[in-house]
Amino acid sequence: MELLIGETYQLPIVAGKTTKFYLDVSKLPSVPSYAVFQVHSQWYNIKVSFDDDGNCLSTTGPGRYTVGTNIGIVSLSADHDPFSWCLTTVTQDSIIFKVLLIALVYQTTGG
C-alpha cells in the first residue's frame, strides 16, 4: 500500500498476515534525509520491520524491526529507496483490529 506524506490511515489488520507499506520519494520535490514510519494499535502488539528483500520475507535481523503497540522505525534515504516497511501482527488470535499509520519525512540542512 502506498502511503502519502503526513496522512494518517486507519486500517483493519488481520492477525497472522504481513502487509507491505511504501513511500515513493520520487513524488517529492527533494529526496528526504530520513523517514519515520509510526504505527499505533490499542491492545495488540505489532511488528514493524524494514523490507530488506522486497517482499517482507527477511525482517528479523538485529536492529531491523521493533515490536509494540505504539512504535516507530526510522529509515535513512541512503539505505531505502523507496522507503518501505512491513507490518506483521504478533498475536495469533483470529481477530481483525485497526491500526493507525503515518509516514513522515525529514530533510536535514547544513548548519
PDB file of N, CA and C in Angstrom:
ATOM      1  N   MET A   1       0.842  -1.168   0.000  1.00  0.00           N
ATOM      2  CA  MET A   1       0.000   0.000   0.000  1.00  0.00           C
ATOM      3  C   MET A   1       0.888   1.233   0.000  1.00  0.00           C
ATOM      4  N   GLU A   2       0.621   2.173  -0.880  1.00  0.00           N
ATOM      5  CA  GLU A   2       1.404   3.401  -0.911  1.00  0.00           C
ATOM      6  C   GLU A   2       0.866   4.384   0.120  1.00  0.00           C
ATOM      7  N   LEU A   3       1.787   4.989   0.866  1.00  0.00           N
ATOM      8  CA  LEU A   3       1.433   5.993   1.860  1.00  0.00           C
ATOM      9  C   LEU A   3       1.741   7.379   1.314  1.00  0.00           C
ATOM     10  N   LEU A   4       0.965   8.357   1.715  1.00  0.00           N
ATOM     11  CA  LEU A   4       1.225   9.746   1.385  1.00  0.00           C
ATOM     12  C   LEU A   4       1.816  10.437   2.602  1.00  0.00           C
ATOM     13  N   ILE A   5       2.687  11.382   2.379  1.00  0.00           N
ATOM     14  CA  ILE A   5       3.373  12.079   3.466  1.00  0.00           C
ATOM     15  C   ILE A   5       2.374  12.753   4.392  1.00  0.00           C
ATOM     16  N   GLY A   6       2.509  12.491   5.698  1.00  0.00           N
ATOM     17  CA  GLY A   6       1.718  13.175   6.701  1.00  0.00           C
ATOM     18  C   GLY A   6       0.261  12.756   6.796  1.00  0.00           C
ATOM     19  N   GLU A   7      -0.199  11.876   5.932  1.00  0.00           N
ATOM     20  CA  GLU A   7      -1.581  11.391   6.007  1.00  0.00           C
ATOM     21  C   GLU A   7      -1.664  10.297   7.065  1.00  0.00           C
ATOM     22  N   THR A   8      -2.766  10.261   7.791  1.00  0.00           N
ATOM     23  CA  THR A   8      -2.977   9.173   8.742  1.00  0.00           C
ATOM     24  C   THR A   8      -3.970   8.188   8.139  1.00  0.00           C
ATOM     25  N   TYR A   9      -3.777   6.927   8.458  1.00  0.00           N
ATOM     26  CA  TYR A   9      -4.612   5.860   7.919  1.00  0.00           C
ATOM     27  C   TYR A   9      -5.093   4.987   9.056  1.00  0.00           C
ATOM     28  N   GLN A  10      -6.368   4.652   9.074  1.00  0.00           N
ATOM     29  CA  GLN A  10      -6.911   3.650   9.985  1.00  0.00           C
ATOM     30  C   GLN A  10      -7.223   2.437   9.129  1.00  0.00           C
ATOM     31  N   LEU A  11      -6.513   1.352   9.385  1.00  0.00           N
ATOM     32  CA  LEU A  11      -6.656   0.167   8.552  1.00  0.00           C
ATOM     33  C   LEU A  11      -7.011  -1.049   9.379  1.00  0.00           C
ATOM     34  N   PRO A  12      -7.870  -1.904   8.861  1.00  0.00           N
ATOM     35  CA  PRO A  12      -8.090  -3.188   9.527  1.00  0.00           C
ATOM     36  C   PRO A  12      -6.903  -4.112   9.251  1.00  0.00           C
ATOM     37  N   ILE A  13      -6.415  -4.763  10.273  1.00  0.00           N
ATOM     38  CA  ILE A  13      -5.277  -5.670  10.166  1.00  0.00           C
ATOM     39  C   ILE A  13      -5.735  -7.064  10.581  1.00  0.00           C
ATOM     40  N   VAL A  14      -5.429  -8.056   9.772  1.00  0.00           N
ATOM     41  CA  VAL A  14      -5.807  -9.440  10.050  1.00  0.00           C
ATOM     42  C   VAL A  14      -4.640 -10.132  10.746  1.00  0.00           C
ATOM     43  N   ALA A  15      -4.921 -10.796  11.853  1.00  0.00           N
ATOM     44  CA  ALA A  15      -3.884 -11.496  12.607  1.00  0.00           C
ATOM     45  C   ALA A  15      -3.191 -12.525  11.734  1.00  0.00           C
ATOM     46  N   GLY A  16      -1.862 -12.608  11.879  1.00  0.00           N
ATOM     47  CA  GLY A  16      -1.086 -13.606  11.157  1.00  0.00           C
ATOM     48  C   GLY A  16      -0.680 -13.205   9.748  1.00  0.00           C
ATOM     49  N   LYS A  17      -1.051 -12.005   9.302  1.00  0.00           N
ATOM     50  CA  LYS A  17      -0.690 -11.565   7.960  1.00  0.00           C
ATOM     51  C   LYS A  17       0.358 -10.463   8.028  1.00  0.00           C
ATOM     52  N   THR A  18       1.140 -10.367   6.959  1.00  0.00           N
ATOM     53  CA  THR A  18       2.120  -9.298   6.818  1.00  0.00           C
ATOM     54  C   THR A  18       1.682  -8.386   5.685  1.00  0.00           C
ATOM     55  N   THR A  19       1.756  -7.090   5.908  1.00  0.00           N
ATOM     56  CA  THR A  19       1.377  -6.106   4.902  1.00  0.00           C
ATOM     57  C   THR A  19       2.561  -5.200   4.627  1.00  0.00           C
ATOM     58  N   LYS A  20       2.806  -4.912   3.353  1.00  0.00           N
ATOM     59  CA  LYS A  20       3.901  -4.029   2.965  1.00  0.00           C
ATOM     60  C   LYS A  20       3.360  -2.627   2.707  1.00  0.00           C
ATOM     61  N   PHE A  21       4.088  -1.632   3.216  1.00  0.00           N
ATOM     62  CA  PHE A  21       3.758  -0.231   3.009  1.00  0.00           C
ATOM     63  C   PHE A  21       4.973   0.451   2.425  1.00  0.00           C
ATOM     64  N   TYR A  22       4.746   1.375   1.511  1.00  0.00           N
ATOM     65  CA  TYR A  22       5.882   2.085   0.936  1.00  0.00           C
ATOM     66  C   TYR A  22       5.558   3.556   0.713  1.00  0.00           C
ATOM     67  N   LEU A  23       6.615   4.326   0.600  1.00  0.00           N
ATOM     68  CA  LEU A  23       6.526   5.752   0.388  1.00  0.00           C
ATOM     69  C   LEU A  23       7.394   6.064  -0.816  1.00  0.00           C
ATOM     70  N   ASP A  24       6.800   6.517  -1.901  1.00  0.00           N
ATOM     71  CA  ASP A  24       7.522   6.788  -3.141  1.00  0.00           C
ATOM     72  C   ASP A  24       8.105   8.193  -3.084  1.00  0.00           C
ATOM     73  N   VAL A  25       9.419   8.289  -2.860  1.00  0.00           N
ATOM     74  CA  VAL A  25      10.051   9.597  -2.708  1.00  0.00           C
ATOM     75  C   VAL A  25      10.227  10.313  -4.044  1.00  0.00           C
ATOM     76  N   SER A  26      10.008   9.631  -5.161  1.00  0.00           N
ATOM     77  CA  SER A  26      10.131  10.301  -6.460  1.00  0.00           C
ATOM     78  C   SER A  26       9.042  11.360  -6.645  1.00  0.00           C
ATOM     79  N   LYS A  27       8.001  11.296  -5.848  1.00  0.00           N
ATOM     80  CA  LYS A  27       6.915  12.278  -5.926  1.00  0.00           C
ATOM     81  C   LYS A  27       7.189  13.526  -5.086  1.00  0.00           C
ATOM     82  N   LEU A  28       8.309  13.543  -4.384  1.00  0.00           N
ATOM     83  CA  LEU A  28       8.657  14.684  -3.539  1.00  0.00           C
ATOM     84  C   LEU A  28       9.574  15.647  -4.284  1.00  0.00           C
ATOM     85  N   PRO A  29       9.570  16.937  -3.918  1.00  0.00           N
ATOM     86  CA  PRO A  29      10.426  17.901  -4.607  1.00  0.00           C
ATOM     87  C   PRO A  29      11.917  17.657  -4.390  1.00  0.00           C
ATOM     88  N   SER A  30      12.294  17.091  -3.260  1.00  0.00           N
ATOM     89  CA  SER A  30      13.693  16.744  -2.998  1.00  0.00           C
ATOM     90  C   SER A  30      13.734  15.439  -2.210  1.00  0.00           C
ATOM     91  N   VAL A  31      14.845  14.742  -2.319  1.00  0.00           N
ATOM     92  CA  VAL A  31      14.982  13.453  -1.628  1.00  0.00           C
ATOM     93  C   VAL A  31      15.164  13.718  -0.141  1.00  0.00           C
ATOM     94  N   PRO A  32      14.322  13.125   0.701  1.00  0.00           N
ATOM     95  CA  PRO A  32      14.456  13.354   2.143  1.00  0.00           C
ATOM     96  C   PRO A  32      15.684  12.660   2.714  1.00  0.00           C
ATOM     97  N   SER A  33      16.158  13.162   3.844  1.00  0.00           N
ATOM     98  CA  SER A  33      17.296  12.557   4.524  1.00  0.00           C
ATOM     99  C   SER A  33      16.889  11.289   5.266  1.00  0.00           C
ATOM    100  N   TYR A  34      15.700  11.317   5.844  1.00  0.00           N
ATOM    101  CA  TYR A  34      15.195  10.126   6.523  1.00  0.00           C
ATOM    102  C   TYR A  34      13.683  10.193   6.625  1.00  0.00           C
ATOM    103  N   ALA A  35      13.095   9.050   6.928  1.00  0.00           N
ATOM    104  CA  ALA A  35      11.649   8.946   7.085  1.00  0.00           C
ATOM    105  C   ALA A  35      11.336   8.191   8.366  1.00  0.00           C
ATOM    106  N   VAL A  36      10.220   8.547   8.972  1.00  0.00           N
ATOM    107  CA  VAL A  36       9.748   7.860  10.178  1.00  0.00           C
ATOM    108  C   VAL A  36       8.400   7.245   9.848  1.00  0.00           C
ATOM    109  N   PHE A  37       8.261   5.974  10.130  1.00  0.00           N
ATOM    110  CA  PHE A  37       7.008   5.246   9.935  1.00  0.00           C
ATOM    111  C   PHE A  37       6.490   4.891  11.321  1.00  0.00           C
ATOM    112  N   GLN A  38       5.305   5.399  11.676  1.00  0.00           N
ATOM    113  CA  GLN A  38       4.727   5.154  13.005  1.00  0.00           C
ATOM    114  C   GLN A  38       3.477   4.307  12.883  1.00  0.00           C
ATOM    115  N   VAL A  39       3.309   3.405  13.851  1.00  0.00           N
ATOM    116  CA  VAL A  39       2.132   2.538  13.903  1.00  0.00           C
ATOM    117  C   VAL A  39       1.604   2.550  15.327  1.00  0.00           C
ATOM    118  N   HIS A  40       0.304   2.717  15.450  1.00  0.00           N
ATOM    119  CA  HIS A  40      -0.329   2.742  16.769  1.00  0.00           C
ATOM    120  C   HIS A  40      -1.504   1.766  16.767  1.00  0.00           C
ATOM    121  N   SER A  41      -1.453   0.813  17.685  1.00  0.00           N
ATOM    122  CA  SER A  41      -2.588  -0.086  17.895  1.00  0.00           C
ATOM    123  C   SER A  41      -2.947  -0.004  19.363  1.00  0.00           C
ATOM    124  N   GLN A  42      -4.170  -0.289  19.681  1.00  0.00           N
ATOM    125  CA  GLN A  42      -4.590  -0.062  21.055  1.00  0.00           C
ATOM    126  C   GLN A  42      -4.246  -1.218  21.995  1.00  0.00           C
ATOM    127  N   TRP A  43      -4.531  -2.447  21.581  1.00  0.00           N
ATOM    128  CA  TRP A  43      -4.361  -3.569  22.505  1.00  0.00           C
ATOM    129  C   TRP A  43      -3.405  -4.657  22.039  1.00  0.00           C
ATOM    130  N   TYR A  44      -3.124  -4.733  20.766  1.00  0.00           N
ATOM    131  CA  TYR A  44      -2.356  -5.870  20.248  1.00  0.00           C
ATOM    132  C   TYR A  44      -0.989  -5.432  19.750  1.00  0.00           C
ATOM    133  N   ASN A  45       0.027  -6.216  20.111  1.00  0.00           N
ATOM    134  CA  ASN A  45       1.374  -5.941  19.634  1.00  0.00           C
ATOM    135  C   ASN A  45       1.469  -6.191  18.136  1.00  0.00           C
ATOM    136  N   ILE A  46       2.256  -5.349  17.493  1.00  0.00           N
ATOM    137  CA  ILE A  46       2.527  -5.499  16.076  1.00  0.00           C
ATOM    138  C   ILE A  46       4.027  -5.352  15.873  1.00  0.00           C
ATOM    139  N   LYS A  47       4.513  -5.881  14.780  1.00  0.00           N
ATOM    140  CA  LYS A  47       5.932  -5.779  14.441  1.00  0.00           C
ATOM    141  C   LYS A  47       6.067  -4.928  13.187  1.00  0.00           C
ATOM    142  N   VAL A  48       6.941  -3.927  13.242  1.00  0.00           N
ATOM    143  CA  VAL A  48       7.284  -3.130  12.079  1.00  0.00           C
ATOM    144  C   VAL A  48       8.739  -3.421  11.759  1.00  0.00           C
ATOM    145  N   SER A  49       9.008  -3.684  10.493  1.00  0.00           N
ATOM    146  CA  SER A  49      10.367  -4.022  10.085  1.00  0.00           C
ATOM    147  C   SER A  49      10.694  -3.376   8.752  1.00  0.00           C
ATOM    148  N   PHE A  50      11.987  -3.323   8.455  1.00  0.00           N
ATOM    149  CA  PHE A  50      12.421  -2.870   7.140  1.00  0.00           C
ATOM    150  C   PHE A  50      12.130  -3.969   6.132  1.00  0.00           C
ATOM    151  N   ASP A  51      11.840  -3.577   4.925  1.00  0.00           N
ATOM    152  CA  ASP A  51      11.602  -4.532   3.843  1.00  0.00           C
ATOM    153  C   ASP A  51      12.922  -4.759   3.105  1.00  0.00           C
ATOM    154  N   ASP A  52      13.789  -5.576   3.685  1.00  0.00           N
ATOM    155  CA  ASP A  52      15.137  -5.758   3.151  1.00  0.00           C
ATOM    156  C   ASP A  52      15.189  -6.530   1.841  1.00  0.00           C
ATOM    157  N   ASP A  53      14.248  -7.421   1.620  1.00  0.00           N
ATOM    158  CA  ASP A  53      14.333  -8.271   0.435  1.00  0.00           C
ATOM    159  C   ASP A  53      13.288  -7.941  -0.629  1.00  0.00           C
ATOM    160  N   GLY A  54      12.470  -6.931  -0.393  1.00  0.00           N
ATOM    161  CA  GLY A  54      11.480  -6.530  -1.384  1.00  0.00           C
ATOM    162  C   GLY A  54      10.144  -7.227  -1.274  1.00  0.00           C
ATOM    163  N   ASN A  55      10.040  -8.249  -0.442  1.00  0.00           N
ATOM    164  CA  ASN A  55       8.745  -8.921  -0.282  1.00  0.00           C
ATOM    165  C   ASN A  55       8.467  -9.345   1.157  1.00  0.00           C
ATOM    166  N   CYS A  56       9.063  -8.648   2.106  1.00  0.00           N
ATOM    167  CA  CYS A  56       8.785  -8.826   3.542  1.00  0.00           C
ATOM    168  C   CYS A  56       9.096 -10.229   4.069  1.00  0.00           C
ATOM    169  N   LEU A  57      10.063 -10.905   3.489  1.00  0.00           N
ATOM    170  CA  LEU A  57      10.401 -12.240   3.988  1.00  0.00           C
ATOM    171  C   LEU A  57      11.612 -12.223   4.920  1.00  0.00           C
ATOM    172  N   SER A  58      12.478 -11.247   4.790  1.00  0.00           N
ATOM    173  CA  SER A  58      13.684 -11.176   5.602  1.00  0.00           C
ATOM    174  C   SER A  58      13.580  -9.971   6.531  1.00  0.00           C
ATOM    175  N   THR A  59      12.912 -10.147   7.666  1.00  0.00           N
ATOM    176  CA  THR A  59      12.625  -8.992   8.533  1.00  0.00           C
ATOM    177  C   THR A  59      12.990  -9.221   9.991  1.00  0.00           C
ATOM    178  N   THR A  60      13.911 -10.134  10.278  1.00  0.00           N
ATOM    179  CA  THR A  60      14.154 -10.480  11.674  1.00  0.00           C
ATOM    180  C   THR A  60      15.569 -10.217  12.156  1.00  0.00           C
ATOM    181  N   GLY A  61      16.424  -9.595  11.356  1.00  0.00           N
ATOM    182  CA  GLY A  61      17.801  -9.349  11.774  1.00  0.00           C
ATOM    183  C   GLY A  61      17.883  -8.335  12.901  1.00  0.00           C
ATOM    184  N   PRO A  62      19.032  -8.295  13.583  1.00  0.00           N
ATOM    185  CA  PRO A  62      19.217  -7.334  14.672  1.00  0.00           C
ATOM    186  C   PRO A  62      19.058  -5.896  14.177  1.00  0.00           C
ATOM    187  N   GLY A  63      18.271  -5.099  14.900  1.00  0.00           N
ATOM    188  CA  GLY A  63      18.065  -3.712  14.537  1.00  0.00           C
ATOM    189  C   GLY A  63      17.208  -3.500  13.302  1.00  0.00           C
ATOM    190  N   ARG A  64      16.562  -4.547  12.815  1.00  0.00           N
ATOM    191  CA  ARG A  64      15.772  -4.447  11.592  1.00  0.00           C
ATOM    192  C   ARG A  64      14.282  -4.368  11.861  1.00  0.00           C
ATOM    193  N   TYR A  65      13.860  -4.476  13.132  1.00  0.00           N
ATOM    194  CA  TYR A  65      12.436  -4.439  13.454  1.00  0.00           C
ATOM    195  C   TYR A  65      12.224  -3.956  14.885  1.00  0.00           C
ATOM    196  N   THR A  66      10.965  -3.622  15.191  1.00  0.00           N
ATOM    197  CA  THR A  66      10.557  -3.283  16.551  1.00  0.00           C
ATOM    198  C   THR A  66       9.149  -3.828  16.771  1.00  0.00           C
ATOM    199  N   VAL A  67       8.825  -4.134  18.023  1.00  0.00           N
ATOM    200  CA  VAL A  67       7.526  -4.720  18.364  1.00  0.00           C
ATOM    201  C   VAL A  67       6.895  -3.903  19.484  1.00  0.00           C
ATOM    202  N   GLY A  68       5.588  -3.683  19.402  1.00  0.00           N
ATOM    203  CA  GLY A  68       4.878  -2.981  20.459  1.00  0.00           C
ATOM    204  C   GLY A  68       3.514  -2.515  19.988  1.00  0.00           C
ATOM    205  N   THR A  69       2.893  -1.622  20.776  1.00  0.00           N
ATOM    206  CA  THR A  69       1.580  -1.096  20.413  1.00  0.00           C
ATOM    207  C   THR A  69       1.650   0.320  19.880  1.00  0.00           C
ATOM    208  N   ASN A  70       2.650   1.074  20.254  1.00  0.00           N
ATOM    209  CA  ASN A  70       2.863   2.438  19.772  1.00  0.00           C
ATOM    210  C   ASN A  70       4.336   2.558  19.410  1.00  0.00           C
ATOM    211  N   ILE A  71       4.653   2.270  18.161  1.00  0.00           N
ATOM    212  CA  ILE A  71       6.053   2.120  17.768  1.00  0.00           C
ATOM    213  C   ILE A  71       6.354   2.916  16.500  1.00  0.00           C
ATOM    214  N   GLY A  72       7.628   3.103  16.252  1.00  0.00           N
ATOM    215  CA  GLY A  72       8.078   3.761  15.042  1.00  0.00           C
ATOM    216  C   GLY A  72       9.426   3.217  14.626  1.00  0.00           C
ATOM    217  N   ILE A  73       9.765   3.425  13.367  1.00  0.00           N
ATOM    218  CA  ILE A  73      11.036   2.962  12.849  1.00  0.00           C
ATOM    219  C   ILE A  73      11.551   4.041  11.900  1.00  0.00           C
ATOM    220  N   VAL A  74      12.850   4.297  11.939  1.00  0.00           N
ATOM    221  CA  VAL A  74      13.463   5.347  11.135  1.00  0.00           C
ATOM    222  C   VAL A  74      14.234   4.723   9.988  1.00  0.00           C
ATOM    223  N   SER A  75      14.049   5.260   8.791  1.00  0.00           N
ATOM    224  CA  SER A  75      14.767   4.806   7.596  1.00  0.00           C
ATOM    225  C   SER A  75      15.601   5.950   7.052  1.00  0.00           C
ATOM    226  N   LEU A  76      16.863   5.687   6.773  1.00  0.00           N
ATOM    227  CA  LEU A  76      17.715   6.671   6.124  1.00  0.00           C
ATOM    228  C   LEU A  76      17.558   6.539   4.627  1.00  0.00           C
ATOM    229  N   SER A  77      17.556   7.659   3.923  1.00  0.00           N
ATOM    230  CA  SER A  77      17.305   7.604   2.480  1.00  0.00           C
ATOM    231  C   SER A  77      18.395   6.842   1.740  1.00  0.00           C
ATOM    232  N   ALA A  78      19.620   6.852   2.248  1.00  0.00           N
ATOM    233  CA  ALA A  78      20.698   6.125   1.581  1.00  0.00           C
ATOM    234  C   ALA A  78      20.486   4.613   1.639  1.00  0.00           C
ATOM    235  N   ASP A  79      19.733   4.153   2.639  1.00  0.00           N
ATOM    236  CA  ASP A  79      19.515   2.717   2.823  1.00  0.00           C
ATOM    237  C   ASP A  79      18.261   2.206   2.143  1.00  0.00           C
ATOM    238  N   HIS A  80      17.288   3.055   1.896  1.00  0.00           N
ATOM    239  CA  HIS A  80      15.991   2.592   1.418  1.00  0.00           C
ATOM    240  C   HIS A  80      15.444   3.526   0.341  1.00  0.00           C
ATOM    241  N   ASP A  81      15.312   3.022  -0.875  1.00  0.00           N
ATOM    242  CA  ASP A  81      14.727   3.808  -1.955  1.00  0.00           C
ATOM    243  C   ASP A  81      13.917   2.867  -2.829  1.00  0.00           C
ATOM    244  N   PRO A  82      12.611   2.887  -2.824  1.00  0.00           N
ATOM    245  CA  PRO A  82      11.807   3.772  -1.993  1.00  0.00           C
ATOM    246  C   PRO A  82      11.793   3.301  -0.538  1.00  0.00           C
ATOM    247  N   PHE A  83      11.351   4.162   0.345  1.00  0.00           N
ATOM    248  CA  PHE A  83      11.167   3.753   1.729  1.00  0.00           C
ATOM    249  C   PHE A  83      10.074   2.694   1.751  1.00  0.00           C
ATOM    250  N   SER A  84      10.330   1.577   2.402  1.00  0.00           N
ATOM    251  CA  SER A  84       9.278   0.561   2.520  1.00  0.00           C
ATOM    252  C   SER A  84       9.429  -0.174   3.837  1.00  0.00           C
ATOM    253  N   TRP A  85       8.291  -0.558   4.394  1.00  0.00           N
ATOM    254  CA  TRP A  85       8.252  -1.223   5.691  1.00  0.00           C
ATOM    255  C   TRP A  85       7.249  -2.365   5.644  1.00  0.00           C
ATOM    256  N   CYS A  86       7.412  -3.302   6.561  1.00  0.00           N
ATOM    257  CA  CYS A  86       6.499  -4.437   6.675  1.00  0.00           C
ATOM    258  C   CYS A  86       5.818  -4.360   8.037  1.00  0.00           C
ATOM    259  N   LEU A  87       4.536  -4.630   8.054  1.00  0.00           N
ATOM    260  CA  LEU A  87       3.747  -4.630   9.282  1.00  0.00           C
ATOM    261  C   LEU A  87       3.197  -6.031   9.476  1.00  0.00           C
ATOM    262  N   THR A  88       3.526  -6.643  10.602  1.00  0.00           N
ATOM    263  CA  THR A  88       3.101  -8.011  10.898  1.00  0.00           C
ATOM    264  C   THR A  88       2.446  -8.048  12.265  1.00  0.00           C
ATOM    265  N   THR A  89       1.335  -8.742  12.381  1.00  0.00           N
ATOM    266  CA  THR A  89       0.710  -8.902  13.694  1.00  0.00           C
ATOM    267  C   THR A  89       1.479  -9.944  14.489  1.00  0.00           C
ATOM    268  N   VAL A  90       1.533  -9.738  15.783  1.00  0.00           N
ATOM    269  CA  VAL A  90       2.239 -10.669  16.662  1.00  0.00           C
ATOM    270  C   VAL A  90       1.270 -11.685  17.246  1.00  0.00           C
ATOM    271  N   THR A  91       0.028 -11.284  17.464  1.00  0.00           N
ATOM    272  CA  THR A  91      -0.962 -12.199  18.031  1.00  0.00           C
ATOM    273  C   THR A  91      -1.369 -13.248  17.001  1.00  0.00           C
ATOM    274  N   GLN A  92      -1.677 -14.428  17.458  1.00  0.00           N
ATOM    275  CA  GLN A  92      -2.161 -15.484  16.572  1.00  0.00           C
ATOM    276  C   GLN A  92      -3.672 -15.663  16.688  1.00  0.00           C
ATOM    277  N   ASP A  93      -4.312 -14.807  17.495  1.00  0.00           N
ATOM    278  CA  ASP A  93      -5.765 -14.864  17.624  1.00  0.00           C
ATOM    279  C   ASP A  93      -6.422 -14.568  16.278  1.00  0.00           C
ATOM    280  N   SER A  94      -7.552 -15.161  16.030  1.00  0.00           N
ATOM    281  CA  SER A  94      -8.295 -14.914  14.788  1.00  0.00           C
ATOM    282  C   SER A  94      -9.145 -13.667  14.945  1.00  0.00           C
ATOM    283  N   ILE A  95      -8.498 -12.532  14.822  1.00  0.00           N
ATOM    284  CA  ILE A  95      -9.193 -11.264  15.007  1.00  0.00           C
ATOM    285  C   ILE A  95      -8.812 -10.311  13.886  1.00  0.00           C
ATOM    286  N   ILE A  96      -9.608  -9.294  13.741  1.00  0.00           N
ATOM    287  CA  ILE A  96      -9.268  -8.171  12.874  1.00  0.00           C
ATOM    288  C   ILE A  96      -9.293  -6.936  13.764  1.00  0.00           C
ATOM    289  N   PHE A  97      -8.216  -6.187  13.765  1.00  0.00           N
ATOM    290  CA  PHE A  97      -8.177  -4.979  14.566  1.00  0.00           C
ATOM    291  C   PHE A  97      -7.630  -3.836  13.729  1.00  0.00           C
ATOM    292  N   LYS A  98      -7.800  -2.628  14.214  1.00  0.00           N
ATOM    293  CA  LYS A  98      -7.380  -1.455  13.458  1.00  0.00           C
ATOM    294  C   LYS A  98      -6.083  -0.891  14.012  1.00  0.00           C
ATOM    295  N   VAL A  99      -5.277  -0.359  13.096  1.00  0.00           N
ATOM    296  CA  VAL A  99      -4.071   0.358  13.487  1.00  0.00           C
ATOM    297  C   VAL A  99      -4.108   1.735  12.834  1.00  0.00           C
ATOM    298  N   LEU A 100      -3.398   2.655  13.425  1.00  0.00           N
ATOM    299  CA  LEU A 100      -3.235   3.995  12.874  1.00  0.00           C
ATOM    300  C   LEU A 100      -1.812   4.087  12.338  1.00  0.00           C
ATOM    301  N   LEU A 101      -1.651   4.477  11.068  1.00  0.00           N
ATOM    302  CA  LEU A 101      -0.345   4.569  10.427  1.00  0.00           C
ATOM    303  C   LEU A 101      -0.070   6.002  10.009  1.00  0.00           C
ATOM    304  N   ILE A 102       1.203   6.386  10.041  1.00  0.00           N
ATOM    305  CA  ILE A 102       1.613   7.677   9.484  1.00  0.00           C
ATOM    306  C   ILE A 102       3.077   7.574   9.067  1.00  0.00           C
ATOM    307  N   ALA A 103       3.407   8.188   7.940  1.00  0.00           N
ATOM    308  CA  ALA A 103       4.789   8.269   7.472  1.00  0.00           C
ATOM    309  C   ALA A 103       5.155   9.745   7.353  1.00  0.00           C
ATOM    310  N   LEU A 104       6.290  10.105   7.923  1.00  0.00           N
ATOM    311  CA  LEU A 104       6.770  11.485   7.886  1.00  0.00           C
ATOM    312  C   LEU A 104       8.190  11.494   7.326  1.00  0.00           C
ATOM    313  N   VAL A 105       8.522  12.494   6.540  1.00  0.00           N
ATOM    314  CA  VAL A 105       9.880  12.599   6.013  1.00  0.00           C
ATOM    315  C   VAL A 105      10.523  13.893   6.508  1.00  0.00           C
ATOM    316  N   TYR A 106      11.853  13.856   6.598  1.00  0.00           N
ATOM    317  CA  TYR A 106      12.600  14.999   7.097  1.00  0.00           C
ATOM    318  C   TYR A 106      13.813  15.225   6.202  1.00  0.00           C
ATOM    319  N   GLN A 107      14.159  16.482   6.031  1.00  0.00           N
ATOM    320  CA  GLN A 107      15.326  16.869   5.244  1.00  0.00           C
ATOM    321  C   GLN A 107      16.287  17.585   6.187  1.00  0.00           C
ATOM    322  N   THR A 108      17.510  17.091   6.294  1.00  0.00           N
ATOM    323  CA  THR A 108      18.485  17.783   7.117  1.00  0.00           C
ATOM    324  C   THR A 108      19.096  18.906   6.295  1.00  0.00           C
ATOM    325  N   THR A 109      19.495  19.948   6.971  1.00  0.00           N
ATOM    326  CA  THR A 109      20.109  21.081   6.301  1.00  0.00           C
ATOM    327  C   THR A 109      21.472  21.331   6.915  1.00  0.00           C
ATOM    328  N   GLY A 110      22.355  21.847   6.131  1.00  0.00           N
ATOM    329  CA  GLY A 110      23.679  22.194   6.642  1.00  0.00           C
ATOM    330  C   GLY A 110      23.593  23.354   7.612  1.00  0.00           C
ATOM    331  N   GLY A 111      24.447  23.376   8.595  1.00  0.00           N
ATOM    332  CA  GLY A 111      24.293  24.443   9.547  1.00  0.00           C
ATOM    333  C   GLY A 111      25.492  24.915  10.166  1.00  0.00           C
TER     334      GLY A 111
END
